[in-house]
Amino acid sequence: MTSTQLIEPCVAATVVTPSPTADSEALADKYAGQTPFVSIQNVSKTFGDFTAVDNVSLDIYQSELFCLLGGSGCGKSTLLRMLAGFEEPSQGKILIDGVDMTGIPPWDRPVNMMFQSYALFPHMNVADNIAFGLKREGVPRDEVKDRVAKMLELVQLGHLGKRKPDQLSGGQRQRVALARALIKRPKLLLLDEPLGALDRKLREETQFELINIQESLGVTFVVVTHDQEEAMTLASRIGVMDQGIIVQTDEPHDMYEFPSSRFVAEFIGSVNIFEGIVTEDERDSVRINSREAGCTLAVNHGISCAPHQHVHVALRPEKIRISHAHPDQQENCISGVIEEIAYMGSLSSFRVKLASGKEIRVTRPNTDRRMAERFTWEDKVFLFWDEDSSVVLTS
């Protein structure tokens, strides 16, 4: 029995794709010519009449920290369980390190898995929990001792090897579970909501520890999470899932700045969405008449839009500037009344109601203790932004 067995198992819209950024081109160059370490090929999984994973194809490369991100029931955990061997695909196949995993049981795969519950043995101390899988495989005692000591140092628990799990904090128990999953030197580590049991502050601290451990070992990680901030912090790439389909795969920066659909734009972070009709399409920009905004929206892009085409414009709250005075621009300039203000320490958030009745969220960093321009409830304000601050999406 391996440590894998000891841990408890458990139609995107048509889009106008933004032009590639320098970062995405660099990413393509990084993996050019490489053979995928994990290759998911046209994989589907059905349970009766329900399709949990729908014809997914995905390549993950050696030493990546890849995040599958999505809401409950989107299929991300089912896909992870198929990688682990706890479920078999209804169709398609999965290759790990070039080997077809069809019919190969979990204990014969070069994979280990860590779940949110951690499933540590309460009667064993930390060192014995970590060593358990090696001992079951008959690894010599001296080698077990040496590998456990190195793993304890890696996860910064060298001084806690004799403690029991109930004598540890949540973050420490998480690191013990991680060490137990890594000590058998899997080629692929699967993590299902690995930080979900931790409080916010500890989760933020542990995210960077997890990144450092992954980078030091070079093991390929696949993380499942519903937490957008966690995925953005951890991942080298993110795959967003919805209704069993991967709707976009990209680096965190490009996922946030250049979402490929309205669903992704709204799922990743906070966003304002305007509806409108294309009135002018130029080589590098498009102009859109939006009744909701009450002005012409000008957007830099690198794609073609049809005249009179119905589109959506996605605009992040932090891209918007706010002022009592009318700015020196007509396009991308709207006015409204402040309905709500939230002071959040590092930034302030404003909810502004436009003449059309639409409400817009604006955030402003609190870089100065004594802001030169202060705002309060019921103030009439102007909101404005640059042409390259928004993204055009089709419905």
Protein backbone atom coordinates (compact mmCIF):
# COMPACT_ATOMS: atom_id res chain seq x y z
CA MET A 1 0.00 0.00 0.00
CA THR A 2 1.37 3.41 -0.91
CA SER A 3 0.77 6.85 0.59
CA THR A 4 -1.55 7.57 -2.32
CA GLN A 5 -3.94 5.01 -0.89
CA LEU A 6 -3.61 6.31 2.63
CA ILE A 7 -5.05 9.72 1.84
CA GLU A 8 -8.81 9.78 1.44
CA PRO A 9 -9.94 10.20 -2.13
CA CYS A 10 -12.71 12.05 -2.68
CA VAL A 11 -20.26 25.70 -23.79
CA ALA A 12 -18.01 28.49 -23.48
CA ALA A 13 -19.37 31.52 -25.41
CA THR A 14 -17.75 32.66 -28.66
CA VAL A 15 -15.00 35.10 -27.78
CA VAL A 16 -12.85 37.72 -29.39
CA THR A 17 -9.37 36.63 -28.37
CA PRO A 18 -7.01 39.46 -27.40
CA SER A 19 -3.76 39.81 -29.27
CA PRO A 20 -0.85 37.86 -27.74
CA THR A 21 1.27 39.68 -25.21
CA ALA A 22 5.03 39.52 -24.90
CA ASP A 23 4.55 37.31 -21.82
CA SER A 24 2.38 34.77 -23.61
CA GLU A 25 4.81 34.66 -26.54
CA ALA A 26 7.66 34.09 -24.07
CA LEU A 27 5.66 31.26 -22.49
CA ALA A 28 5.14 29.65 -25.90
CA ASP A 29 8.89 29.89 -26.54
CA LYS A 30 9.61 28.38 -23.12
CA TYR A 31 7.73 25.17 -23.94
CA ALA A 32 8.47 25.09 -27.67
CA GLY A 33 9.67 21.64 -28.66
CA GLN A 34 9.09 20.17 -25.20
CA THR A 35 7.15 16.95 -24.78
CA PRO A 36 4.29 17.46 -22.31
CA PHE A 37 4.91 15.71 -18.99
CA VAL A 38 1.16 15.25 -18.51
CA SER A 39 -0.97 14.93 -21.63
CA ILE A 40 -4.75 14.80 -21.21
CA GLN A 41 -6.21 13.85 -24.57
CA ASN A 42 -9.93 14.27 -25.31
CA VAL A 43 -10.88 13.03 -21.86
CA SER A 44 -14.53 12.82 -20.76
CA LYS A 45 -16.07 11.39 -17.62
CA THR A 46 -19.75 10.64 -17.26
CA PHE A 47 -21.76 9.42 -14.27
CA GLY A 48 -25.01 8.10 -15.71
CA ASP A 49 -26.55 10.98 -17.64
CA PHE A 50 -24.28 13.57 -16.03
CA THR A 51 -21.08 14.68 -17.79
CA ALA A 52 -18.55 15.82 -15.20
CA VAL A 53 -15.63 16.31 -17.63
CA ASP A 54 -16.40 17.04 -21.27
CA ASN A 55 -13.75 16.27 -23.93
CA VAL A 56 -10.86 18.01 -22.15
CA SER A 57 -7.43 18.21 -23.75
CA LEU A 58 -4.59 19.74 -21.76
CA ASP A 59 -0.78 19.61 -21.71
CA ILE A 60 1.21 20.21 -18.52
CA TYR A 61 4.99 20.45 -18.64
CA GLN A 62 7.82 19.22 -16.44
CA SER A 63 8.29 21.22 -13.20
CA GLU A 64 5.17 23.33 -13.72
CA LEU A 65 2.94 24.39 -10.87
CA PHE A 66 -0.37 24.20 -12.70
CA CYS A 67 -3.70 25.20 -11.13
CA LEU A 68 -7.12 23.91 -12.13
CA LEU A 69 -9.49 26.68 -11.07
CA GLY A 70 -13.27 26.66 -11.00
CA GLY A 71 -16.41 26.70 -8.91
CA SER A 72 -18.08 23.73 -7.24
CA GLY A 73 -19.19 21.06 -9.69
CA CYS A 74 -17.11 22.34 -12.60
CA GLY A 75 -15.23 19.03 -12.97
CA LYS A 76 -11.81 20.01 -11.62
CA SER A 77 -11.68 17.44 -8.81
CA THR A 78 -12.97 14.70 -11.13
CA LEU A 79 -10.16 15.50 -13.55
CA LEU A 80 -7.65 15.34 -10.69
CA ARG A 81 -9.01 11.97 -9.55
CA MET A 82 -8.57 10.62 -13.08
CA LEU A 83 -4.93 11.74 -13.00
CA ALA A 84 -4.53 9.91 -9.68
CA GLY A 85 -6.23 6.76 -10.98
CA PHE A 86 -9.20 6.89 -8.60
CA GLU A 87 -11.49 7.29 -11.63
CA GLU A 88 -11.11 5.99 -15.18
CA PRO A 89 -12.01 8.23 -18.15
CA SER A 90 -15.21 7.34 -20.00
CA GLN A 91 -13.32 8.26 -23.14
CA GLY A 92 -9.91 9.63 -24.06
CA LYS A 93 -6.61 8.89 -22.39
CA ILE A 94 -4.06 10.34 -19.99
CA LEU A 95 -0.29 10.09 -20.45
CA ILE A 96 2.16 10.79 -17.61
CA ASP A 97 5.82 11.02 -18.56
CA GLY A 98 4.95 9.47 -21.93
CA VAL A 99 3.18 6.42 -20.46
CA ASP A 100 -0.51 5.73 -21.10
CA MET A 101 -2.20 5.46 -17.69
CA THR A 102 -5.23 3.52 -18.98
CA GLY A 103 -5.90 0.64 -16.59
CA ILE A 104 -2.96 1.46 -14.30
CA PRO A 105 -4.07 1.54 -10.63
CA PRO A 106 -3.18 4.44 -8.31
CA TRP A 107 -0.39 2.55 -6.50
CA ASP A 108 1.45 1.84 -9.76
CA ARG A 109 1.38 5.43 -11.01
CA PRO A 110 4.32 7.87 -10.51
CA VAL A 111 1.85 10.07 -8.66
CA ASN A 112 1.01 11.06 -5.12
CA MET A 113 -1.93 13.06 -3.83
CA MET A 114 -2.61 15.40 -0.93
CA PHE A 115 -6.13 16.33 0.12
CA GLN A 116 -7.50 19.16 2.20
CA SER A 117 -8.20 16.87 5.18
CA TYR A 118 -4.46 15.91 5.44
CA ALA A 119 -5.46 12.50 7.00
CA LEU A 120 -2.50 12.34 9.39
CA PHE A 121 -2.27 9.39 11.78
CA PRO A 122 -3.06 10.87 15.23
CA HIS A 123 -1.19 8.15 17.18
CA MET A 124 2.07 8.70 15.25
CA ASN A 125 4.49 11.58 15.67
CA VAL A 126 5.44 13.84 12.77
CA ALA A 127 8.51 11.84 11.73
CA ASP A 128 6.62 8.54 11.74
CA ASN A 129 3.76 10.04 9.72
CA ILE A 130 6.23 11.15 7.08
CA ALA A 131 8.13 7.86 7.13
CA PHE A 132 5.09 5.58 6.96
CA GLY A 133 5.00 5.05 3.20
CA LEU A 134 8.74 4.33 3.00
CA LYS A 135 8.52 1.79 5.82
CA ARG A 136 5.61 0.01 4.15
CA GLU A 137 7.75 -0.35 1.02
CA GLY A 138 10.61 -1.87 2.98
CA VAL A 139 13.11 0.97 2.49
CA PRO A 140 16.17 0.38 4.73
CA ARG A 141 15.95 2.01 8.14
CA ASP A 142 19.01 4.26 7.71
CA GLU A 143 17.71 5.55 4.38
CA VAL A 144 14.29 6.22 5.89
CA LYS A 145 15.86 8.19 8.73
CA ASP A 146 18.01 10.23 6.36
CA ARG A 147 15.18 11.02 3.96
CA VAL A 148 12.79 11.97 6.77
CA ALA A 149 15.38 14.31 8.28
CA LYS A 150 15.94 16.04 4.93
CA MET A 151 12.21 16.34 4.31
CA LEU A 152 11.62 17.82 7.78
CA GLU A 153 14.24 20.47 7.06
CA LEU A 154 12.71 21.20 3.65
CA VAL A 155 9.30 21.92 5.18
CA GLN A 156 10.88 23.76 8.14
CA LEU A 157 9.73 21.27 10.76
CA GLY A 158 13.12 19.85 11.79
CA HIS A 159 12.52 20.68 15.46
CA LEU A 160 9.01 19.16 15.56
CA GLY A 161 9.64 15.59 14.44
CA LYS A 162 8.59 14.07 17.77
CA ARG A 163 5.34 15.98 18.15
CA LYS A 164 1.91 14.47 17.51
CA PRO A 165 -0.43 16.06 14.91
CA ASP A 166 -2.73 17.48 17.61
CA GLN A 167 0.23 19.46 18.98
CA LEU A 168 0.70 21.30 15.66
CA SER A 169 -0.92 24.35 14.11
CA GLY A 170 -2.99 24.04 10.94
CA GLY A 171 -0.12 25.29 8.81
CA GLN A 172 2.29 22.81 10.39
CA ARG A 173 -0.09 19.88 9.80
CA GLN A 174 -0.39 20.99 6.18
CA ARG A 175 3.40 20.83 5.82
CA VAL A 176 3.52 17.37 7.40
CA ALA A 177 0.96 16.13 4.86
CA LEU A 178 2.98 17.71 2.07
CA ALA A 179 6.20 16.10 3.32
CA ARG A 180 4.51 12.68 3.49
CA ALA A 181 3.29 13.10 -0.08
CA LEU A 182 6.71 14.20 -1.36
CA ILE A 183 9.03 11.81 0.48
CA LYS A 184 8.33 8.98 -1.97
CA ARG A 185 9.64 11.22 -4.74
CA PRO A 186 6.62 11.18 -7.04
CA LYS A 187 7.03 12.55 -10.54
CA LEU A 188 3.66 14.26 -10.19
CA LEU A 189 2.04 15.65 -7.04
CA LEU A 190 -1.70 16.32 -7.03
CA LEU A 191 -3.13 18.73 -4.45
CA ASP A 192 -6.89 19.12 -3.94
CA GLU A 193 -7.68 22.40 -2.13
CA PRO A 194 -4.41 22.07 -0.16
CA LEU A 195 -4.79 25.35 1.75
CA GLY A 196 -8.55 25.40 2.19
CA ALA A 197 -8.45 24.49 5.91
CA LEU A 198 -6.17 27.41 6.82
CA ASP A 199 -7.20 30.92 7.88
CA ARG A 200 -6.56 33.75 5.46
CA LYS A 201 -3.29 35.06 6.93
CA LEU A 202 -1.78 31.61 7.34
CA ARG A 203 -2.95 30.62 3.86
CA GLU A 204 -1.15 33.61 2.35
CA GLU A 205 2.08 32.74 4.19
CA THR A 206 1.85 29.06 3.25
CA GLN A 207 1.33 29.82 -0.44
CA PHE A 208 4.87 31.16 -0.73
CA GLU A 209 6.28 28.22 1.25
CA LEU A 210 4.56 25.85 -1.16
CA ILE A 211 6.04 27.68 -4.15
CA ASN A 212 9.55 27.54 -2.65
CA ILE A 213 9.26 23.80 -1.94
CA GLN A 214 8.01 23.08 -5.46
CA GLU A 215 10.80 25.12 -7.03
CA SER A 216 13.49 23.51 -4.88
CA LEU A 217 12.37 19.96 -5.77
CA GLY A 218 11.35 20.53 -9.38
CA VAL A 219 8.38 18.18 -8.99
CA THR A 220 5.40 18.87 -11.25
CA PHE A 221 2.45 20.08 -9.15
CA VAL A 222 -1.20 20.11 -10.22
CA VAL A 223 -3.34 22.06 -7.74
CA VAL A 224 -7.14 22.14 -7.68
CA THR A 225 -8.71 25.21 -6.07
CA HIS A 226 -11.82 27.38 -6.18
CA ASP A 227 -9.87 30.35 -4.77
CA GLN A 228 -8.89 32.80 -7.53
CA GLU A 229 -6.29 34.62 -5.43
CA GLU A 230 -4.68 31.33 -4.44
CA ALA A 231 -4.44 30.24 -8.07
CA MET A 232 -3.03 33.60 -9.15
CA THR A 233 -0.37 33.43 -6.41
CA LEU A 234 0.68 29.80 -6.82
CA ALA A 235 0.46 28.95 -10.48
CA SER A 236 2.85 29.19 -13.39
CA ARG A 237 -0.29 28.57 -15.49
CA ILE A 238 -4.00 28.35 -14.72
CA GLY A 239 -6.76 26.37 -16.42
CA VAL A 240 -10.21 27.77 -15.69
CA MET A 241 -12.98 25.15 -15.79
CA ASP A 242 -16.73 25.58 -16.23
CA GLN A 243 -19.31 22.83 -16.73
CA GLY A 244 -16.66 20.20 -17.42
CA ILE A 245 -14.77 22.28 -20.00
CA ILE A 246 -11.49 24.17 -19.74
CA VAL A 247 -12.50 27.59 -21.04
CA GLN A 248 -9.07 29.25 -20.88
CA THR A 249 -5.50 28.23 -20.10
CA ASP A 250 -2.97 30.98 -19.50
CA GLU A 251 -0.41 32.54 -17.19
CA PRO A 252 -1.97 34.43 -14.24
CA HIS A 253 -1.13 37.86 -15.69
CA ASP A 254 -2.68 37.14 -19.08
CA MET A 255 -5.66 35.36 -17.51
CA TYR A 256 -6.46 38.50 -15.52
CA GLU A 257 -5.58 41.18 -18.06
CA PHE A 258 -6.78 39.37 -21.21
CA PRO A 259 -9.72 37.11 -20.34
CA SER A 260 -11.03 35.21 -23.35
CA SER A 261 -14.70 35.34 -22.35
CA ARG A 262 -17.15 37.13 -20.11
CA PHE A 263 -17.24 34.10 -17.82
CA VAL A 264 -13.47 34.23 -17.22
CA ALA A 265 -13.49 38.01 -16.80
CA GLU A 266 -16.17 37.77 -14.11
CA PHE A 267 -14.72 34.68 -12.42
CA ILE A 268 -11.17 36.02 -12.06
CA GLY A 269 -11.24 39.01 -9.74
CA SER A 270 -13.66 41.93 -9.86
CA VAL A 271 -14.74 43.47 -13.17
CA ASN A 272 -17.18 45.97 -14.64
CA ILE A 273 -18.98 44.87 -17.80
CA PHE A 274 -20.52 47.29 -20.33
CA GLU A 275 -22.73 46.23 -23.22
CA GLY A 276 -22.49 48.12 -26.48
CA ILE A 277 -22.52 48.20 -30.29
CA VAL A 278 -19.43 48.58 -32.44
CA THR A 279 -19.55 51.89 -34.32
CA GLU A 280 -16.00 52.09 -35.64
CA ASP A 281 -13.30 49.49 -36.17
CA GLU A 282 -9.80 50.72 -36.86
CA ARG A 283 -6.53 48.85 -37.21
CA ASP A 284 -5.50 49.15 -33.57
CA SER A 285 -8.67 50.18 -31.78
CA VAL A 286 -12.43 49.85 -31.75
CA ARG A 287 -15.13 52.31 -30.70
CA ILE A 288 -18.30 51.16 -29.06
CA ASN A 289 -21.51 53.00 -28.31
CA SER A 290 -22.73 51.99 -24.86
CA ARG A 291 -26.02 53.26 -23.47
CA GLU A 292 -25.13 51.77 -20.11
CA ALA A 293 -21.98 53.87 -19.93
CA GLY A 294 -23.48 56.93 -21.56
CA CYS A 295 -20.38 57.56 -23.66
CA THR A 296 -18.23 56.14 -26.44
CA LEU A 297 -15.90 53.41 -25.25
CA ALA A 298 -12.55 53.30 -27.05
CA VAL A 299 -10.53 50.09 -26.68
CA ASN A 300 -7.09 49.26 -28.01
CA HIS A 301 -7.02 45.76 -29.44
CA GLY A 302 -5.44 43.80 -32.26
CA ILE A 303 -8.44 42.02 -33.69
CA SER A 304 -11.27 42.80 -36.09
CA CYS A 305 -14.83 43.53 -35.04
CA ALA A 306 -17.78 43.72 -37.40
CA PRO A 307 -19.72 46.99 -37.67
CA HIS A 308 -22.88 46.98 -35.52
CA GLN A 309 -21.62 43.89 -33.68
CA HIS A 310 -22.96 43.46 -30.14
CA VAL A 311 -20.03 43.20 -27.70
CA HIS A 312 -19.12 43.49 -24.05
CA VAL A 313 -16.31 45.61 -22.64
CA ALA A 314 -14.57 44.33 -19.49
CA LEU A 315 -12.92 46.93 -17.25
CA ARG A 316 -11.17 46.18 -13.96
CA PRO A 317 -11.96 48.53 -11.01
CA GLU A 318 -8.31 49.46 -10.42
CA LYS A 319 -7.92 50.68 -14.02
CA ILE A 320 -10.42 53.50 -13.43
CA ARG A 321 -9.41 56.93 -12.19
CA ILE A 322 -11.85 59.02 -10.15
CA SER A 323 -12.07 62.80 -9.86
CA HIS A 324 -14.44 65.62 -8.93
CA ALA A 325 -13.27 67.56 -11.99
CA HIS A 326 -14.08 66.69 -15.60
CA PRO A 327 -10.93 65.23 -17.20
CA ASP A 328 -9.51 66.38 -20.52
CA GLN A 329 -11.11 63.55 -22.52
CA GLN A 330 -14.53 62.65 -23.91
CA GLU A 331 -14.18 58.96 -24.70
CA ASN A 332 -13.90 56.53 -21.80
CA CYS A 333 -15.29 59.17 -19.49
CA ILE A 334 -18.48 58.73 -17.46
CA SER A 335 -20.07 60.50 -14.52
CA GLY A 336 -22.08 59.27 -11.60
CA VAL A 337 -22.83 59.58 -7.90
CA ILE A 338 -20.99 57.75 -5.12
CA GLU A 339 -23.40 55.32 -3.45
CA GLU A 340 -21.01 53.38 -1.21
CA ILE A 341 -17.45 53.72 0.10
CA ALA A 342 -15.41 50.95 1.72
CA TYR A 343 -12.06 51.71 3.33
CA MET A 344 -10.00 48.50 3.15
CA GLY A 345 -6.64 49.68 4.43
CA SER A 346 -4.44 49.30 1.38
CA LEU A 347 -7.18 50.57 -0.93
CA SER A 348 -10.56 52.26 -0.97
CA SER A 349 -13.49 50.88 -2.92
CA PHE A 350 -16.25 53.04 -4.39
CA ARG A 351 -19.62 52.01 -5.79
CA VAL A 352 -20.73 54.67 -8.27
CA LYS A 353 -24.22 54.82 -9.81
CA LEU A 354 -24.41 56.11 -13.39
CA ALA A 355 -27.30 58.03 -14.97
CA SER A 356 -28.34 54.80 -16.73
CA GLY A 357 -28.77 53.13 -13.35
CA LYS A 358 -25.76 50.87 -13.80
CA GLU A 359 -23.43 50.60 -10.81
CA ILE A 360 -19.66 50.65 -11.30
CA ARG A 361 -17.00 49.55 -8.84
CA VAL A 362 -13.82 51.64 -8.62
CA THR A 363 -10.80 50.96 -6.42
CA ARG A 364 -8.03 53.38 -5.53
CA PRO A 365 -4.80 52.53 -3.67
CA ASN A 366 -4.28 54.43 -0.42
CA THR A 367 -0.71 55.43 -1.17
CA ASP A 368 -0.85 58.60 0.94
CA ARG A 369 -2.23 58.92 4.44
CA ARG A 370 -3.59 62.35 3.56
CA MET A 371 -5.13 62.01 0.13
CA ALA A 372 -5.12 65.27 -1.81
CA GLU A 373 -8.63 64.61 -3.10
CA ARG A 374 -11.20 63.12 -0.74
CA PHE A 375 -14.55 61.65 -1.62
CA THR A 376 -17.72 61.04 0.34
CA TRP A 377 -21.20 59.68 -0.15
CA GLU A 378 -23.44 61.45 -2.70
CA ASP A 379 -20.47 63.18 -4.37
CA LYS A 380 -20.82 63.60 -8.13
CA VAL A 381 -17.65 62.24 -9.70
CA PHE A 382 -16.11 61.56 -13.09
CA LEU A 383 -14.65 58.16 -13.93
CA PHE A 384 -12.15 57.82 -16.77
CA TRP A 385 -9.54 55.40 -18.10
CA ASP A 386 -7.10 54.76 -20.94
CA GLU A 387 -7.86 52.94 -24.19
CA ASP A 388 -5.60 50.01 -23.27
CA SER A 389 -7.26 49.47 -19.88
CA SER A 390 -10.25 47.48 -21.10
CA VAL A 391 -10.87 44.34 -23.16
CA VAL A 392 -13.52 43.64 -25.84
CA LEU A 393 -15.48 40.38 -25.50
CA THR A 394 -18.36 39.00 -27.55
CA SER A 395 -21.42 37.42 -25.99
